[in-house]
Structures are given as structure tokens and as C-alpha cells.
């Protein structure tokens, strides 16, 4: 039931949103479903899959931590804390991009392994959606992804290798 509730919340929260570089024109929430599917295939528990479905709601929608907690109930505090950990702390900052991304990476150094894994699957899916992006942005994003893999790869070495393969493959075929 938790995963279904999270899926419903994700659909509602991301209603009307589209991925920036997705050439297929799919709704944004499809990204959330793909990340959750990867987490489930990795062997993530129900809480991890639910958090993967909701990983962008605090960052990319008007939903607040309090609204999310009320919607999921106090029994699901672990899901909410995982979503909070997945939310970039630089959100809303006017600092230069390099400063914000460094802050976001440093935030992830000491989070639990499952948070790092969800973030890596998020990044993998983001990389797969960059085909229509400006080449300069792609180059920057690939470098940021390498730096991110260095910081969070200890969450799961096999997922880190998937992320690094995606980065390297994009460089060859992107």
C-alpha cells in the first residue's frame, strides 16, 4: 500500500510537469517511476521504492516536508527522511552552480547507503534523458556526475559502476 500511496502522491505532485530534455515528451513523473523501478530491481525495500517515487517532490514541486508527512503518516517517517536527504540543500540558492553542486555533494557524504543508491539511479536516469540537451550543458553534467559518483559510490559499488558506465557511454555516444 505504501508504494501505491507514494505513486499517487508523485503523480499528483508532478502533474503537468515535463522533463526538460526528454525528446519523447513524457510526463515528468515517468522519471520517478523509472528510478523507483531501478531501486526495486536492485532489491530496495518498500520504503526505498516509495522514497524513490517521491525523490523530487520537495525539490521540484510546491510540496513541503510537512505535507508529505501528513500524506504518508507518521509511520512512514523513514520515507520522508529519505526524501529530505535526497533533496538538494542548495535548492533556491543564488550561489554559482559550481558552489551549489559542491554543497549538494557534501550533503550526501554521510547519508545512508540507500539514499546514495537512489541518488545514483536518479542520476543514471537523468543522463539517459539528455539526448536533446545543449552539448556544453551535457559536458558539465557529465563532469558533475563523475564527481557525484566519487562521493556517493560507496553506497553500492555495482550501482556506482552502472553510473560510471552511463557517464562513459554518453561520452562515446551522446
C-alpha atoms as a PDB file:
ATOM      1  CA  UNK A   1       0.000   0.000   0.000  1.00  0.00           C
ATOM      2  CA  UNK A   2       2.857   2.410   0.757  1.00  0.00           C
ATOM      3  CA  UNK A   3       4.269   2.191  -2.761  1.00  0.00           C
ATOM      4  CA  UNK A   4       0.825   2.791  -4.252  1.00  0.00           C
ATOM      5  CA  UNK A   5       0.297   5.808  -1.983  1.00  0.00           C
ATOM      6  CA  UNK A   6       3.720   7.171  -2.952  1.00  0.00           C
ATOM      7  CA  UNK A   7       2.983   6.635  -6.634  1.00  0.00           C
ATOM      8  CA  UNK A   8      -0.293   8.531  -6.300  1.00  0.00           C
ATOM      9  CA  UNK A   9       1.430  11.386  -4.472  1.00  0.00           C
ATOM     10  CA  UNK A  10       4.161  11.557  -7.112  1.00  0.00           C
ATOM     11  CA  UNK A  11       1.616  11.683  -9.929  1.00  0.00           C
ATOM     12  CA  UNK A  12      -0.340  14.417  -8.164  1.00  0.00           C
ATOM     13  CA  UNK A  13       2.718  16.465  -7.179  1.00  0.00           C
ATOM     14  CA  UNK A  14       4.315  16.344 -10.643  1.00  0.00           C
ATOM     15  CA  UNK A  15       1.036  16.837 -12.541  1.00  0.00           C
ATOM     16  CA  UNK A  16       1.627  18.907 -15.671  1.00  0.00           C
ATOM     17  CA  UNK A  17       5.434  18.810 -15.389  1.00  0.00           C
ATOM     18  CA  UNK A  18       7.581  17.636 -18.278  1.00  0.00           C
ATOM     19  CA  UNK A  19      11.259  16.648 -18.356  1.00  0.00           C
ATOM     20  CA  UNK A  20      13.419  19.453 -19.697  1.00  0.00           C
ATOM     21  CA  UNK A  21      15.413  17.460 -22.257  1.00  0.00           C
ATOM     22  CA  UNK A  22      13.149  14.468 -22.798  1.00  0.00           C
ATOM     23  CA  UNK A  23      12.634  14.233 -26.557  1.00  0.00           C
ATOM     24  CA  UNK A  24       9.753  11.779 -26.089  1.00  0.00           C
ATOM     25  CA  UNK A  25       7.580  14.381 -24.351  1.00  0.00           C
ATOM     26  CA  UNK A  26       6.788  12.082 -21.452  1.00  0.00           C
ATOM     27  CA  UNK A  27       5.357  13.451 -18.205  1.00  0.00           C
ATOM     28  CA  UNK A  28       7.970  14.151 -15.516  1.00  0.00           C
ATOM     29  CA  UNK A  29       6.581  11.500 -13.192  1.00  0.00           C
ATOM     30  CA  UNK A  30       7.760   8.782 -15.598  1.00  0.00           C
ATOM     31  CA  UNK A  31      11.295   9.638 -14.420  1.00  0.00           C
ATOM     32  CA  UNK A  32      10.205   8.956 -10.825  1.00  0.00           C
ATOM     33  CA  UNK A  33       8.727   5.606 -11.847  1.00  0.00           C
ATOM     34  CA  UNK A  34      11.922   4.621 -13.688  1.00  0.00           C
ATOM     35  CA  UNK A  35      14.065   5.468 -10.648  1.00  0.00           C
ATOM     36  CA  UNK A  36      11.713   3.504  -8.378  1.00  0.00           C
ATOM     37  CA  UNK A  37      11.793   0.535 -10.753  1.00  0.00           C
ATOM     38  CA  UNK A  38      15.614   0.544 -10.697  1.00  0.00           C
ATOM     39  CA  UNK A  39      15.601   0.689  -6.883  1.00  0.00           C
ATOM     40  CA  UNK A  40      13.137  -2.226  -6.741  1.00  0.00           C
ATOM     41  CA  UNK A  41      15.249  -4.287  -9.154  1.00  0.00           C
ATOM     42  CA  UNK A  42      18.316  -3.501  -7.031  1.00  0.00           C
ATOM     43  CA  UNK A  43      16.455  -5.046  -4.085  1.00  0.00           C
ATOM     44  CA  UNK A  44      15.319  -1.945  -2.268  1.00  0.00           C
ATOM     45  CA  UNK A  45      12.658  -2.436   0.379  1.00  0.00           C
ATOM     46  CA  UNK A  46       9.191  -0.915   0.166  1.00  0.00           C
ATOM     47  CA  UNK A  47      10.334   2.264   1.955  1.00  0.00           C
ATOM     48  CA  UNK A  48      13.201   2.748  -0.500  1.00  0.00           C
ATOM     49  CA  UNK A  49      10.944   2.264  -3.531  1.00  0.00           C
ATOM     50  CA  UNK A  50       8.417   4.715  -2.076  1.00  0.00           C
ATOM     51  CA  UNK A  51      11.175   7.270  -1.440  1.00  0.00           C
ATOM     52  CA  UNK A  52      12.447   6.799  -4.998  1.00  0.00           C
ATOM     53  CA  UNK A  53       8.969   7.586  -6.315  1.00  0.00           C
ATOM     54  CA  UNK A  54       8.933  10.766  -4.251  1.00  0.00           C
ATOM     55  CA  UNK A  55      12.606  11.743  -4.580  1.00  0.00           C
ATOM     56  CA  UNK A  56      11.922  15.028  -6.422  1.00  0.00           C
ATOM     57  CA  UNK A  57       8.710  16.244  -4.775  1.00  0.00           C
ATOM     58  CA  UNK A  58      10.379  18.553  -2.252  1.00  0.00           C
ATOM     59  CA  UNK A  59      12.837  19.876  -4.801  1.00  0.00           C
ATOM     60  CA  UNK A  60      10.650  20.318  -7.879  1.00  0.00           C
ATOM     61  CA  UNK A  61       7.088  20.846  -6.641  1.00  0.00           C
ATOM     62  CA  UNK A  62       5.324  23.029  -4.074  1.00  0.00           C
ATOM     63  CA  UNK A  63       5.017  20.049  -1.707  1.00  0.00           C
ATOM     64  CA  UNK A  64       6.603  20.559   1.702  1.00  0.00           C
ATOM     65  CA  UNK A  65       8.066  18.084   4.157  1.00  0.00           C
ATOM     66  CA  UNK A  66       5.061  18.666   6.404  1.00  0.00           C
ATOM     67  CA  UNK A  67       2.594  17.988   3.579  1.00  0.00           C
ATOM     68  CA  UNK A  68       4.476  14.837   2.650  1.00  0.00           C
ATOM     69  CA  UNK A  69       4.493  13.636   6.273  1.00  0.00           C
ATOM     70  CA  UNK A  70       0.778  14.315   6.611  1.00  0.00           C
ATOM     71  CA  UNK A  71       0.039  12.454   3.375  1.00  0.00           C
ATOM     72  CA  UNK A  72       2.114   9.391   4.276  1.00  0.00           C
ATOM     73  CA  UNK A  73       1.501   9.328   8.008  1.00  0.00           C
ATOM     74  CA  UNK A  74       3.923   9.312  10.910  1.00  0.00           C
ATOM     75  CA  UNK A  75       4.541   5.580  10.463  1.00  0.00           C
ATOM     76  CA  UNK A  76       6.421   6.411   7.282  1.00  0.00           C
ATOM     77  CA  UNK A  77       8.886   8.877   8.757  1.00  0.00           C
ATOM     78  CA  UNK A  78      11.746   6.849   7.219  1.00  0.00           C
ATOM     79  CA  UNK A  79      10.402   7.530   3.722  1.00  0.00           C
ATOM     80  CA  UNK A  80      10.081  11.239   4.439  1.00  0.00           C
ATOM     81  CA  UNK A  81      13.580  11.445   5.923  1.00  0.00           C
ATOM     82  CA  UNK A  82      14.948   9.679   2.837  1.00  0.00           C
ATOM     83  CA  UNK A  83      13.186  12.139   0.532  1.00  0.00           C
ATOM     84  CA  UNK A  84      14.582  15.016   2.596  1.00  0.00           C
ATOM     85  CA  UNK A  85      18.072  13.526   2.309  1.00  0.00           C
ATOM     86  CA  UNK A  86      17.618  13.235  -1.478  1.00  0.00           C
ATOM     87  CA  UNK A  87      16.622  16.896  -1.772  1.00  0.00           C
ATOM     88  CA  UNK A  88      19.462  19.198  -2.774  1.00  0.00           C
ATOM     89  CA  UNK A  89      20.116  21.611   0.112  1.00  0.00           C
ATOM     90  CA  UNK A  90      21.112  24.288  -2.407  1.00  0.00           C
ATOM     91  CA  UNK A  91      17.551  24.488  -3.715  1.00  0.00           C
ATOM     92  CA  UNK A  92      16.634  28.145  -4.024  1.00  0.00           C
ATOM     93  CA  UNK A  93      20.208  29.353  -3.592  1.00  0.00           C
ATOM     94  CA  UNK A  94      21.529  32.089  -5.847  1.00  0.00           C
ATOM     95  CA  UNK A  95      25.114  30.865  -5.466  1.00  0.00           C
ATOM     96  CA  UNK A  96      27.000  29.941  -8.641  1.00  0.00           C
ATOM     97  CA  UNK A  97      26.242  26.445  -9.969  1.00  0.00           C
ATOM     98  CA  UNK A  98      29.660  25.037  -9.032  1.00  0.00           C
ATOM     99  CA  UNK A  99      29.194  26.175  -5.423  1.00  0.00           C
ATOM    100  CA  UNK A 100      25.663  24.749  -5.252  1.00  0.00           C
ATOM    101  CA  UNK A 101      26.673  21.396  -6.707  1.00  0.00           C
ATOM    102  CA  UNK A 102      29.598  21.119  -4.289  1.00  0.00           C
ATOM    103  CA  UNK A 103      27.234  21.859  -1.392  1.00  0.00           C
ATOM    104  CA  UNK A 104      24.826  19.204  -2.668  1.00  0.00           C
ATOM    105  CA  UNK A 105      27.620  16.607  -2.952  1.00  0.00           C
ATOM    106  CA  UNK A 106      28.956  17.368   0.532  1.00  0.00           C
ATOM    107  CA  UNK A 107      25.443  16.909   1.906  1.00  0.00           C
ATOM    108  CA  UNK A 108      25.449  13.353   0.524  1.00  0.00           C
ATOM    109  CA  UNK A 109      28.749  12.212   2.029  1.00  0.00           C
ATOM    110  CA  UNK A 110      27.273  10.888   5.282  1.00  0.00           C
ATOM    111  CA  UNK A 111      23.749   9.872   4.226  1.00  0.00           C
ATOM    112  CA  UNK A 112      22.745   6.196   4.483  1.00  0.00           C
ATOM    113  CA  UNK A 113      23.739   3.850   1.657  1.00  0.00           C
ATOM    114  CA  UNK A 114      20.179   3.502   0.346  1.00  0.00           C
ATOM    115  CA  UNK A 115      19.979   7.287  -0.153  1.00  0.00           C
ATOM    116  CA  UNK A 116      23.191   7.183  -2.181  1.00  0.00           C
ATOM    117  CA  UNK A 117      21.829   4.317  -4.273  1.00  0.00           C
ATOM    118  CA  UNK A 118      18.587   6.149  -5.025  1.00  0.00           C
ATOM    119  CA  UNK A 119      20.595   9.257  -5.972  1.00  0.00           C
ATOM    120  CA  UNK A 120      22.791   7.204  -8.317  1.00  0.00           C
ATOM    121  CA  UNK A 121      19.758   5.670 -10.030  1.00  0.00           C
ATOM    122  CA  UNK A 122      18.277   9.186 -10.300  1.00  0.00           C
ATOM    123  CA  UNK A 123      21.474  10.405 -11.961  1.00  0.00           C
ATOM    124  CA  UNK A 124      21.572   7.404 -14.321  1.00  0.00           C
ATOM    125  CA  UNK A 125      18.040   8.142 -15.477  1.00  0.00           C
ATOM    126  CA  UNK A 126      18.837  11.839 -15.842  1.00  0.00           C
ATOM    127  CA  UNK A 127      21.823  11.002 -18.053  1.00  0.00           C
ATOM    128  CA  UNK A 128      19.625   8.821 -20.244  1.00  0.00           C
ATOM    129  CA  UNK A 129      17.329  11.801 -20.813  1.00  0.00           C
ATOM    130  CA  UNK A 130      19.978  14.275 -22.007  1.00  0.00           C
ATOM    131  CA  UNK A 131      19.980  13.473 -25.715  1.00  0.00           C
ATOM    132  CA  UNK A 132      18.361  16.794 -26.630  1.00  0.00           C
ATOM    133  CA  UNK A 133      20.424  18.943 -24.277  1.00  0.00           C
ATOM    134  CA  UNK A 134      22.948  21.608 -25.217  1.00  0.00           C
ATOM    135  CA  UNK A 135      26.388  19.974 -25.638  1.00  0.00           C
ATOM    136  CA  UNK A 136      28.018  22.425 -23.204  1.00  0.00           C
ATOM    137  CA  UNK A 137      25.478  21.544 -20.533  1.00  0.00           C
ATOM    138  CA  UNK A 138      25.955  17.834 -21.226  1.00  0.00           C
ATOM    139  CA  UNK A 139      29.704  18.183 -20.774  1.00  0.00           C
ATOM    140  CA  UNK A 140      29.190  19.993 -17.463  1.00  0.00           C
ATOM    141  CA  UNK A 141      26.600  17.451 -16.298  1.00  0.00           C
ATOM    142  CA  UNK A 142      28.892  14.537 -17.145  1.00  0.00           C
ATOM    143  CA  UNK A 143      31.689  16.073 -15.074  1.00  0.00           C
ATOM    144  CA  UNK A 144      29.285  16.760 -12.178  1.00  0.00           C
ATOM    145  CA  UNK A 145      28.134  13.141 -12.440  1.00  0.00           C
ATOM    146  CA  UNK A 146      31.722  11.875 -12.160  1.00  0.00           C
ATOM    147  CA  UNK A 147      32.251  13.999  -9.064  1.00  0.00           C
ATOM    148  CA  UNK A 148      28.971  12.750  -7.619  1.00  0.00           C
ATOM    149  CA  UNK A 149      29.945   9.113  -8.256  1.00  0.00           C
ATOM    150  CA  UNK A 150      33.173   9.710  -6.329  1.00  0.00           C
ATOM    151  CA  UNK A 151      31.210  10.990  -3.326  1.00  0.00           C
ATOM    152  CA  UNK A 152      28.297   8.545  -3.210  1.00  0.00           C
ATOM    153  CA  UNK A 153      29.675   5.467  -4.937  1.00  0.00           C
ATOM    154  CA  UNK A 154      30.363   3.818  -1.601  1.00  0.00           C
ATOM    155  CA  UNK A 155      26.595   3.322  -1.282  1.00  0.00           C
ATOM    156  CA  UNK A 156      26.892   0.332  -3.622  1.00  0.00           C
ATOM    157  CA  UNK A 157      29.892  -0.408  -5.810  1.00  0.00           C
ATOM    158  CA  UNK A 158      27.847  -2.183  -8.507  1.00  0.00           C
ATOM    159  CA  UNK A 159      25.469   0.772  -8.855  1.00  0.00           C
ATOM    160  CA  UNK A 160      28.452   3.126  -8.948  1.00  0.00           C
ATOM    161  CA  UNK A 161      29.841   1.073 -11.840  1.00  0.00           C
ATOM    162  CA  UNK A 162      26.483   1.380 -13.650  1.00  0.00           C
ATOM    163  CA  UNK A 163      26.635   5.145 -13.170  1.00  0.00           C
ATOM    164  CA  UNK A 164      30.215   5.353 -14.418  1.00  0.00           C
ATOM    165  CA  UNK A 165      29.329   3.191 -17.427  1.00  0.00           C
ATOM    166  CA  UNK A 166      26.435   5.514 -18.243  1.00  0.00           C
ATOM    167  CA  UNK A 167      28.764   8.529 -17.999  1.00  0.00           C
ATOM    168  CA  UNK A 168      31.380   6.887 -20.216  1.00  0.00           C
ATOM    169  CA  UNK A 169      28.805   5.589 -22.715  1.00  0.00           C
ATOM    170  CA  UNK A 170      27.252   9.028 -23.005  1.00  0.00           C
ATOM    171  CA  UNK A 171      30.648  10.485 -23.778  1.00  0.00           C
ATOM    172  CA  UNK A 172      31.025   7.951 -26.582  1.00  0.00           C
ATOM    173  CA  UNK A 173      27.511   8.020 -27.981  1.00  0.00           C
ATOM    174  CA  UNK A 174      25.927  11.231 -26.692  1.00  0.00           C
END
